[in-house]
């Protein structure tokens, strides 16, 4: 009886710990979330205009298809999907494959997306996001008990923007610049998980970050590095206006 009581106590502690990290199993994705499907690896993106998606520059993927309104990309019978090709991929001119800086790309779609209850735009920032602001990071992951080329689990986590000094301590091999931001709760190195990269971070309804690097798992609230959207607003507006 004593062993059983101890087991229940430990189980309750584990459940409480998971929810204290802000983890949520989200059956319905945020309507701005975009699934970038390719013959290589998928990425996520965010819809910022009926013709434009923003994502990481490292998501310059072959044979890309842009999928909106997806809840479970592994289920091809979903009825709210909008699928389109892209017309242009424009990555930041100072992005290089050897650095995590300037890891940002704009994708111009072949056609305008129809906005509805399942597909909507996310706002872009007019001012920077303060430290300790609570944000939502959303992406898809894979059910380890089910083999599928596409992810089959929509999840999100509520985590805060952490100070630059704390992020630098977690990522000593990198120089954390002002054009980056870090979110998370758990510092240090953890076992990586299989989740779709380039997850967007949305704070108070505004897109503030796109995942550039994680040494762990964002959906477990591991501290991760994001491209700070506010630092690139002039470039984003210029690209959209000229294209």
Protein backbone atom coordinates (compact mmCIF):
# COMPACT_ATOMS: atom_id res chain seq x y z
CA UNK A 1 0.00 0.00 0.00
CA UNK A 2 2.84 2.37 0.88
CA UNK A 3 4.51 1.76 -2.52
CA UNK A 4 1.25 2.41 -4.36
CA UNK A 5 0.68 5.68 -2.48
CA UNK A 6 4.23 6.78 -3.30
CA UNK A 7 3.66 5.93 -6.98
CA UNK A 8 0.49 8.06 -7.08
CA UNK A 9 2.30 10.96 -5.44
CA UNK A 10 5.12 10.79 -8.00
CA UNK A 11 2.62 10.54 -10.86
CA UNK A 12 0.74 13.62 -9.66
CA UNK A 13 4.03 15.52 -9.33
CA UNK A 14 4.98 14.60 -12.91
CA UNK A 15 1.62 15.74 -14.29
CA UNK A 16 1.84 19.01 -12.36
CA UNK A 17 5.36 19.59 -13.66
CA UNK A 18 4.29 19.10 -17.28
CA UNK A 19 1.45 21.58 -17.01
CA UNK A 20 3.63 24.07 -15.12
CA UNK A 21 5.79 24.23 -18.26
CA UNK A 22 2.78 25.48 -20.18
CA UNK A 23 2.58 22.41 -22.43
CA UNK A 24 -0.69 21.92 -24.25
CA UNK A 25 -1.89 19.32 -26.71
CA UNK A 26 -3.62 21.60 -29.20
CA UNK A 27 -6.16 19.80 -31.35
CA UNK A 28 -6.83 22.94 -33.38
CA UNK A 29 -3.78 24.83 -34.71
CA UNK A 30 -3.66 28.62 -34.70
CA UNK A 31 -5.13 29.79 -38.02
CA UNK A 32 -1.93 31.58 -39.08
CA UNK A 33 0.17 28.41 -38.89
CA UNK A 34 1.42 27.11 -42.26
CA UNK A 35 2.70 23.63 -43.07
CA UNK A 36 5.56 23.71 -45.58
CA UNK A 37 5.66 20.25 -47.14
CA UNK A 38 8.60 19.04 -49.21
CA UNK A 39 10.32 15.87 -50.42
CA UNK A 40 13.01 16.48 -47.81
CA UNK A 41 11.88 17.68 -44.36
CA UNK A 42 8.88 19.87 -43.54
CA UNK A 43 8.93 23.29 -41.88
CA UNK A 44 6.36 25.55 -40.33
CA UNK A 45 5.64 29.14 -41.31
CA UNK A 46 3.24 31.94 -40.50
CA UNK A 47 0.80 33.68 -42.85
CA UNK A 48 1.41 37.44 -42.69
CA UNK A 49 -0.40 38.47 -45.92
CA UNK A 50 -2.78 36.66 -48.31
CA UNK A 51 0.22 36.28 -50.65
CA UNK A 52 3.10 35.93 -48.17
CA UNK A 53 4.39 33.40 -45.65
CA UNK A 54 7.36 33.99 -43.35
CA UNK A 55 9.64 31.19 -42.17
CA UNK A 56 13.32 30.42 -41.54
CA UNK A 57 15.84 30.78 -44.35
CA UNK A 58 17.08 27.26 -43.65
CA UNK A 59 13.66 26.08 -44.91
CA UNK A 60 14.63 26.65 -48.55
CA UNK A 61 13.18 23.23 -49.39
CA UNK A 62 12.94 21.29 -52.67
CA UNK A 63 9.53 20.77 -54.32
CA UNK A 64 7.80 22.87 -51.68
CA UNK A 65 4.02 22.84 -51.22
CA UNK A 66 2.34 25.41 -48.97
CA UNK A 67 -0.50 23.93 -46.92
CA UNK A 68 -2.87 26.07 -44.85
CA UNK A 69 -5.72 25.05 -42.57
CA UNK A 70 -4.06 21.74 -41.65
CA UNK A 71 -4.63 20.16 -38.27
CA UNK A 72 -3.00 16.79 -38.96
CA UNK A 73 -0.74 16.88 -42.06
CA UNK A 74 -0.61 13.07 -42.07
CA UNK A 75 -4.37 12.98 -42.71
CA UNK A 76 -4.93 13.87 -46.36
CA UNK A 77 -8.72 13.73 -45.96
CA UNK A 78 -8.96 17.02 -44.06
CA UNK A 79 -11.61 19.26 -45.58
CA UNK A 80 -10.38 22.76 -44.66
CA UNK A 81 -7.05 22.60 -46.49
CA UNK A 82 -5.79 25.22 -48.92
CA UNK A 83 -2.76 24.02 -50.88
CA UNK A 84 -0.73 26.17 -53.23
CA UNK A 85 2.66 26.43 -54.89
CA UNK A 86 5.05 29.31 -54.35
CA UNK A 87 6.05 31.99 -56.83
CA UNK A 88 9.23 33.21 -55.08
CA UNK A 89 11.45 32.40 -52.13
CA UNK A 90 13.35 35.42 -50.85
CA UNK A 91 15.76 34.77 -48.00
CA UNK A 92 17.56 37.51 -46.13
CA UNK A 93 20.58 38.70 -48.15
CA UNK A 94 22.96 38.26 -45.22
CA UNK A 95 21.89 34.74 -44.33
CA UNK A 96 24.55 32.02 -44.60
CA UNK A 97 24.35 28.31 -43.93
CA UNK A 98 27.20 28.59 -41.42
CA UNK A 99 25.39 31.02 -39.11
CA UNK A 100 22.06 31.24 -37.29
CA UNK A 101 21.94 35.00 -37.79
CA UNK A 102 19.49 36.50 -40.34
CA UNK A 103 17.71 33.15 -40.55
CA UNK A 104 14.57 34.52 -42.18
CA UNK A 105 12.79 33.94 -45.49
CA UNK A 106 9.68 35.27 -47.19
CA UNK A 107 7.67 33.04 -49.52
CA UNK A 108 5.42 34.64 -52.10
CA UNK A 109 2.52 32.37 -52.92
CA UNK A 110 1.29 31.52 -56.41
CA UNK A 111 -2.20 32.74 -55.53
CA UNK A 112 -3.91 34.69 -52.80
CA UNK A 113 -5.14 32.64 -49.88
CA UNK A 114 -8.80 32.81 -48.92
CA UNK A 115 -9.10 33.94 -45.32
CA UNK A 116 -11.72 32.19 -43.20
CA UNK A 117 -12.21 30.68 -39.74
CA UNK A 118 -9.41 28.17 -40.37
CA UNK A 119 -6.90 30.41 -42.18
CA UNK A 120 -6.06 33.90 -40.91
CA UNK A 121 -3.18 36.36 -40.82
CA UNK A 122 -0.95 36.97 -37.83
CA UNK A 123 0.02 40.52 -36.93
CA UNK A 124 3.54 41.87 -37.30
CA UNK A 125 5.18 43.88 -34.51
CA UNK A 126 5.17 47.67 -34.25
CA UNK A 127 7.43 47.53 -31.20
CA UNK A 128 9.83 45.05 -29.65
CA UNK A 129 8.67 42.44 -27.16
CA UNK A 130 9.79 42.91 -23.53
CA UNK A 131 11.63 40.23 -21.56
CA UNK A 132 9.44 37.84 -19.55
CA UNK A 133 6.53 38.28 -21.97
CA UNK A 134 4.52 35.06 -22.27
CA UNK A 135 4.35 33.76 -25.85
CA UNK A 136 2.86 30.75 -27.61
CA UNK A 137 5.06 28.57 -29.81
CA UNK A 138 3.18 26.17 -32.10
CA UNK A 139 4.35 23.36 -34.34
CA UNK A 140 3.65 19.78 -35.33
CA UNK A 141 5.37 16.72 -33.94
CA UNK A 142 5.35 13.00 -34.63
CA UNK A 143 3.58 10.27 -32.71
CA UNK A 144 6.40 7.81 -32.04
CA UNK A 145 3.94 4.90 -32.15
CA UNK A 146 2.88 5.76 -35.69
CA UNK A 147 5.16 5.80 -38.71
CA UNK A 148 4.32 8.60 -41.10
CA UNK A 149 6.26 10.82 -43.43
CA UNK A 150 4.17 13.78 -42.28
CA UNK A 151 3.72 14.81 -38.63
CA UNK A 152 0.48 13.80 -36.97
CA UNK A 153 0.31 15.78 -33.73
CA UNK A 154 -0.47 19.49 -33.39
CA UNK A 155 0.97 20.97 -30.18
CA UNK A 156 1.86 24.26 -28.58
CA UNK A 157 3.70 25.48 -25.52
CA UNK A 158 3.39 28.73 -23.56
CA UNK A 159 6.85 30.04 -22.69
CA UNK A 160 8.44 33.38 -21.90
CA UNK A 161 11.07 35.58 -23.50
CA UNK A 162 14.20 35.21 -21.38
CA UNK A 163 17.01 37.74 -20.89
CA UNK A 164 19.90 37.70 -23.34
CA UNK A 165 22.37 36.82 -20.56
CA UNK A 166 20.44 33.67 -19.66
CA UNK A 167 20.29 32.62 -23.30
CA UNK A 168 24.00 33.22 -23.76
CA UNK A 169 24.66 31.00 -20.75
CA UNK A 170 22.61 28.22 -22.35
CA UNK A 171 24.32 28.62 -25.76
CA UNK A 172 27.95 29.47 -25.03
CA UNK A 173 29.08 28.37 -28.50
CA UNK A 174 26.98 31.09 -30.16
CA UNK A 175 27.01 34.86 -30.01
CA UNK A 176 23.46 35.89 -29.13
CA UNK A 177 22.91 39.11 -31.05
CA UNK A 178 20.23 41.78 -30.65
CA UNK A 179 18.52 40.43 -33.77
CA UNK A 180 17.82 37.20 -31.90
CA UNK A 181 15.54 36.39 -28.99
CA UNK A 182 15.33 33.38 -26.72
CA UNK A 183 12.33 31.66 -25.24
CA UNK A 184 12.01 28.74 -22.90
CA UNK A 185 12.01 27.53 -19.34
CA UNK A 186 14.44 24.62 -19.17
CA UNK A 187 18.12 25.50 -19.75
CA UNK A 188 20.85 23.10 -20.69
CA UNK A 189 20.94 20.14 -23.06
CA UNK A 190 18.14 17.63 -23.33
CA UNK A 191 17.26 14.69 -25.52
CA UNK A 192 16.04 16.05 -28.89
CA UNK A 193 12.58 15.17 -30.12
CA UNK A 194 11.06 14.88 -33.56
CA UNK A 195 9.19 18.11 -34.23
CA UNK A 196 8.76 20.37 -37.26
CA UNK A 197 11.30 23.19 -37.32
CA UNK A 198 10.90 26.98 -37.80
CA UNK A 199 8.12 27.23 -35.21
CA UNK A 200 6.67 30.75 -34.84
CA UNK A 201 6.51 32.50 -31.47
CA UNK A 202 3.42 34.69 -31.07
CA UNK A 203 3.12 37.06 -28.13
CA UNK A 204 -0.16 38.87 -27.41
CA UNK A 205 -1.41 38.07 -30.93
CA UNK A 206 1.73 39.39 -32.66
CA UNK A 207 4.46 37.39 -34.40
CA UNK A 208 7.75 38.12 -32.65
CA UNK A 209 9.99 35.15 -33.43
CA UNK A 210 10.76 32.32 -35.85
CA UNK A 211 12.75 29.39 -34.47
CA UNK A 212 16.35 29.37 -35.72
CA UNK A 213 18.02 26.83 -33.42
CA UNK A 214 17.20 24.51 -30.57
CA UNK A 215 19.47 22.09 -28.77
CA UNK A 216 16.57 20.08 -27.46
CA UNK A 217 12.84 20.39 -27.96
CA UNK A 218 10.78 23.57 -28.03
CA UNK A 219 7.60 21.69 -27.12
CA UNK A 220 9.27 20.64 -23.86
CA UNK A 221 10.07 24.30 -23.15
CA UNK A 222 13.82 23.89 -23.71
CA UNK A 223 15.51 27.26 -24.16
CA UNK A 224 15.77 27.94 -27.91
CA UNK A 225 16.99 30.74 -30.18
CA UNK A 226 14.58 32.62 -32.45
CA UNK A 227 15.02 35.26 -35.13
CA UNK A 228 13.62 38.51 -33.70
CA UNK A 229 10.99 39.70 -36.20
CA UNK A 230 11.00 43.31 -35.03
CA UNK A 231 14.65 43.67 -36.05
CA UNK A 232 13.72 42.82 -39.65
CA UNK A 233 10.53 44.82 -40.16
CA UNK A 234 12.13 47.25 -42.64
CA UNK A 235 13.37 44.34 -44.77
CA UNK A 236 10.00 42.52 -44.61
CA UNK A 237 8.04 45.61 -45.70
CA UNK A 238 10.54 46.40 -48.46
CA UNK A 239 10.39 42.88 -49.92
CA UNK A 240 6.58 42.80 -49.95
CA UNK A 241 6.30 46.27 -51.51
CA UNK A 242 8.79 45.49 -54.28
CA UNK A 243 7.46 42.06 -55.17
